[in-house]
C-alpha atoms as a PDB file:
ATOM      1  CA  SER A   1      -2.140   7.929 -18.073  1.00  0.00           C
ATOM      2  CA  ASN A   2      -1.452   9.411 -14.738  1.00  0.00           C
ATOM      3  CA  LEU A   3      -4.079  12.150 -15.492  1.00  0.00           C
ATOM      4  CA  PRO A   4      -7.360  10.484 -14.019  1.00  0.00           C
ATOM      5  CA  HIS A   5      -5.315   9.573 -11.013  1.00  0.00           C
ATOM      6  CA  LYS A   6      -4.685  13.399 -10.596  1.00  0.00           C
ATOM      7  CA  ARG A   7      -8.180  14.339 -10.893  1.00  0.00           C
ATOM      8  CA  PHE A   8      -9.073  11.968  -8.339  1.00  0.00           C
ATOM      9  CA  LEU A   9      -6.413  13.196  -5.888  1.00  0.00           C
ATOM     10  CA  LEU A  10      -7.616  16.706  -6.476  1.00  0.00           C
ATOM     11  CA  SER A  11     -11.396  15.762  -5.982  1.00  0.00           C
ATOM     12  CA  SER A  12     -10.620  13.839  -2.664  1.00  0.00           C
ATOM     13  CA  ARG A  13      -8.946  16.869  -1.258  1.00  0.00           C
ATOM     14  CA  VAL A  14     -11.996  18.949  -1.898  1.00  0.00           C
ATOM     15  CA  LEU A  15     -14.259  16.009  -0.102  1.00  0.00           C
ATOM     16  CA  LEU A  16     -12.074  16.271   2.665  1.00  0.00           C
ATOM     17  CA  ARG A  17     -12.152  19.882   3.124  1.00  0.00           C
ATOM     18  CA  SER A  18     -15.797  20.205   2.839  1.00  0.00           C
ATOM     19  CA  GLY A  19     -16.442  17.159   5.449  1.00  0.00           C
ATOM     20  CA  LEU A  20     -18.230  14.995   2.903  1.00  0.00           C
ATOM     21  CA  ILE A  21     -16.097  12.030   3.652  1.00  0.00           C
ATOM     22  CA  THR A  22     -18.018   9.563   5.822  1.00  0.00           C
ATOM     23  CA  PRO A  23     -17.227   6.472   7.494  1.00  0.00           C
ATOM     24  CA  GLU A  24     -19.577   4.731   5.116  1.00  0.00           C
ATOM     25  CA  ILE A  25     -17.710   5.997   2.014  1.00  0.00           C
ATOM     26  CA  ILE A  26     -14.749   4.960   3.247  1.00  0.00           C
ATOM     27  CA  GLN A  27     -16.103   1.524   4.154  1.00  0.00           C
ATOM     28  CA  SER A  28     -17.430   1.272   0.624  1.00  0.00           C
ATOM     29  CA  LEU A  29     -13.821   1.863  -0.813  1.00  0.00           C
ATOM     30  CA  LEU A  30     -11.861  -0.605   1.322  1.00  0.00           C
ATOM     31  CA  PRO A  31     -12.580  -3.913  -0.693  1.00  0.00           C
ATOM     32  CA  TRP A  32     -11.212  -2.046  -3.873  1.00  0.00           C
ATOM     33  CA  VAL A  33      -7.639  -2.038  -2.232  1.00  0.00           C
ATOM     34  CA  ASN A  34      -7.497  -5.652  -2.997  1.00  0.00           C
ATOM     35  CA  SER A  35      -9.284  -5.819  -6.326  1.00  0.00           C
ATOM     36  CA  PRO A  36      -7.735  -7.658  -9.291  1.00  0.00           C
ATOM     37  CA  ILE A  37      -8.744  -4.528 -11.248  1.00  0.00           C
ATOM     38  CA  GLU A  38      -5.837  -2.446 -11.437  1.00  0.00           C
ATOM     39  CA  ASN A  39      -7.878   0.889 -11.854  1.00  0.00           C
ATOM     40  CA  TYR A  40      -9.719   0.384  -8.479  1.00  0.00           C
ATOM     41  CA  ARG A  41      -6.668  -0.539  -6.708  1.00  0.00           C
ATOM     42  CA  VAL A  42      -5.001   2.824  -7.794  1.00  0.00           C
ATOM     43  CA  THR A  43      -8.013   4.846  -7.041  1.00  0.00           C
ATOM     44  CA  SER A  44      -8.777   3.497  -3.650  1.00  0.00           C
ATOM     45  CA  THR A  45      -5.016   3.349  -2.631  1.00  0.00           C
ATOM     46  CA  ALA A  46      -4.755   6.924  -3.617  1.00  0.00           C
ATOM     47  CA  PHE A  47      -7.762   7.621  -1.486  1.00  0.00           C
ATOM     48  CA  LEU A  48      -6.580   6.127   1.602  1.00  0.00           C
ATOM     49  CA  ALA A  49      -3.210   7.642   0.934  1.00  0.00           C
ATOM     50  CA  GLN A  50      -5.154  11.309   0.956  1.00  0.00           C
ATOM     51  CA  LEU A  51      -7.402  10.496   4.017  1.00  0.00           C
ATOM     52  CA  MET A  52      -4.157   9.624   6.002  1.00  0.00           C
ATOM     53  CA  SER A  53      -3.010  13.384   5.408  1.00  0.00           C
ATOM     54  CA  ASP A  54      -6.158  14.666   7.319  1.00  0.00           C
ATOM     55  CA  PRO A  55      -5.437  14.364  11.299  1.00  0.00           C
ATOM     56  CA  MET A  56      -9.009  14.396  12.111  1.00  0.00           C
ATOM     57  CA  LEU A  57      -9.969  11.700  10.018  1.00  0.00           C
ATOM     58  CA  ARG A  58      -7.160   9.632  10.700  1.00  0.00           C
ATOM     59  CA  GLU A  59      -8.433   9.809  14.467  1.00  0.00           C
ATOM     60  CA  LYS A  60     -11.911   8.516  13.196  1.00  0.00           C
ATOM     61  CA  LEU A  61     -10.678   5.992  11.186  1.00  0.00           C
ATOM     62  CA  PHE A  62     -10.264   2.002  11.547  1.00  0.00           C
ATOM     63  CA  LEU A  63      -6.508   3.059  11.463  1.00  0.00           C
ATOM     64  CA  LYS A  64      -5.264  -0.373  11.885  1.00  0.00           C
ATOM     65  CA  SER A  65      -6.951  -1.928   9.166  1.00  0.00           C
ATOM     66  CA  VAL A  66      -6.305   1.056   6.821  1.00  0.00           C
ATOM     67  CA  LEU A  67      -2.416   0.566   7.703  1.00  0.00           C
ATOM     68  CA  HIS A  68      -2.455  -3.102   7.028  1.00  0.00           C
ATOM     69  CA  LEU A  69      -4.186  -2.404   3.481  1.00  0.00           C
ATOM     70  CA  LEU A  70      -1.391   0.095   2.640  1.00  0.00           C
ATOM     71  CA  LYS A  71       1.229  -2.297   4.137  1.00  0.00           C
ATOM     72  CA  GLU A  72      -0.079  -4.764   1.648  1.00  0.00           C
ATOM     73  CA  ARG A  73      -0.311  -2.521  -1.202  1.00  0.00           C
ATOM     74  CA  SER A  74       3.183  -1.268  -0.795  1.00  0.00           C
ATOM     75  CA  SER A  75       4.376  -4.309  -2.633  1.00  0.00           C
ATOM     76  CA  ASP A  76       1.588  -3.985  -5.297  1.00  0.00           C
ATOM     77  CA  ARG A  77       2.552  -5.011  -8.590  1.00  0.00           C
ATOM     78  CA  ASN A  78       1.354  -1.501 -10.099  1.00  0.00           C
ATOM     79  CA  SER A  79       4.098   1.167  -9.381  1.00  0.00           C
ATOM     80  CA  ILE A  80       1.267   3.714  -8.692  1.00  0.00           C
ATOM     81  CA  VAL A  81      -0.400   1.501  -6.348  1.00  0.00           C
ATOM     82  CA  ARG A  82       3.001   1.049  -4.588  1.00  0.00           C
ATOM     83  CA  GLN A  83       3.640   4.818  -4.603  1.00  0.00           C
ATOM     84  CA  MET A  84       0.448   5.713  -3.366  1.00  0.00           C
ATOM     85  CA  ALA A  85       0.609   3.056  -0.496  1.00  0.00           C
ATOM     86  CA  VAL A  86       3.861   4.528   0.603  1.00  0.00           C
ATOM     87  CA  ARG A  87       2.413   8.112   0.234  1.00  0.00           C
ATOM     88  CA  GLY A  88      -0.274   7.065   2.875  1.00  0.00           C
ATOM     89  CA  LEU A  89       2.073   5.343   5.342  1.00  0.00           C
ATOM     90  CA  GLY A  90       4.065   8.323   5.235  1.00  0.00           C
ATOM     91  CA  ASN A  91       1.090  10.389   5.935  1.00  0.00           C
ATOM     92  CA  VAL A  92       0.382   8.678   8.903  1.00  0.00           C
ATOM     93  CA  VAL A  93       3.886   8.543  10.239  1.00  0.00           C
ATOM     94  CA  TYR A  94       4.160  12.401   9.275  1.00  0.00           C
ATOM     95  CA  GLY A  95       0.964  13.049  11.446  1.00  0.00           C
ATOM     96  CA  VAL A  96       1.898  11.489  14.813  1.00  0.00           C
ATOM     97  CA  PRO A  97       2.757  13.853  17.329  1.00  0.00           C
ATOM     98  CA  GLU A  98       6.545  14.479  17.484  1.00  0.00           C
ATOM     99  CA  LYS A  99       6.597  13.263  21.069  1.00  0.00           C
ATOM    100  CA  VAL A 100       5.314   9.880  20.214  1.00  0.00           C
ATOM    101  CA  ARG A 101       7.644   9.565  17.657  1.00  0.00           C
ATOM    102  CA  GLU A 102      10.841  10.203  19.787  1.00  0.00           C
ATOM    103  CA  ASN A 103       9.354   7.490  22.017  1.00  0.00           C
ATOM    104  CA  THR A 104       9.476   5.108  18.976  1.00  0.00           C
ATOM    105  CA  GLU A 105      12.870   5.826  17.525  1.00  0.00           C
END
């Protein structure tokens, strides 16, 4: 069911807005992204995708490793994981200042 996944996204938005996301929390979830357990991959990839929508957190994060993980998961066998990974990558691109985007196109 998609319901737990949607609840998770909602709770991660609340945590982001309240400033309760710490680098330690993010670090502890990173190993889940490559877990053989599908629910872990769905949850952690959805969480990273949501994090990438917050400009302040993108600045603080170890962006290179998160981008690498999202890129890997964009070809995951689970369609929800793929969707969340692509959403996260899109959030990164969307958040890049327009001037930078123009120079890379």
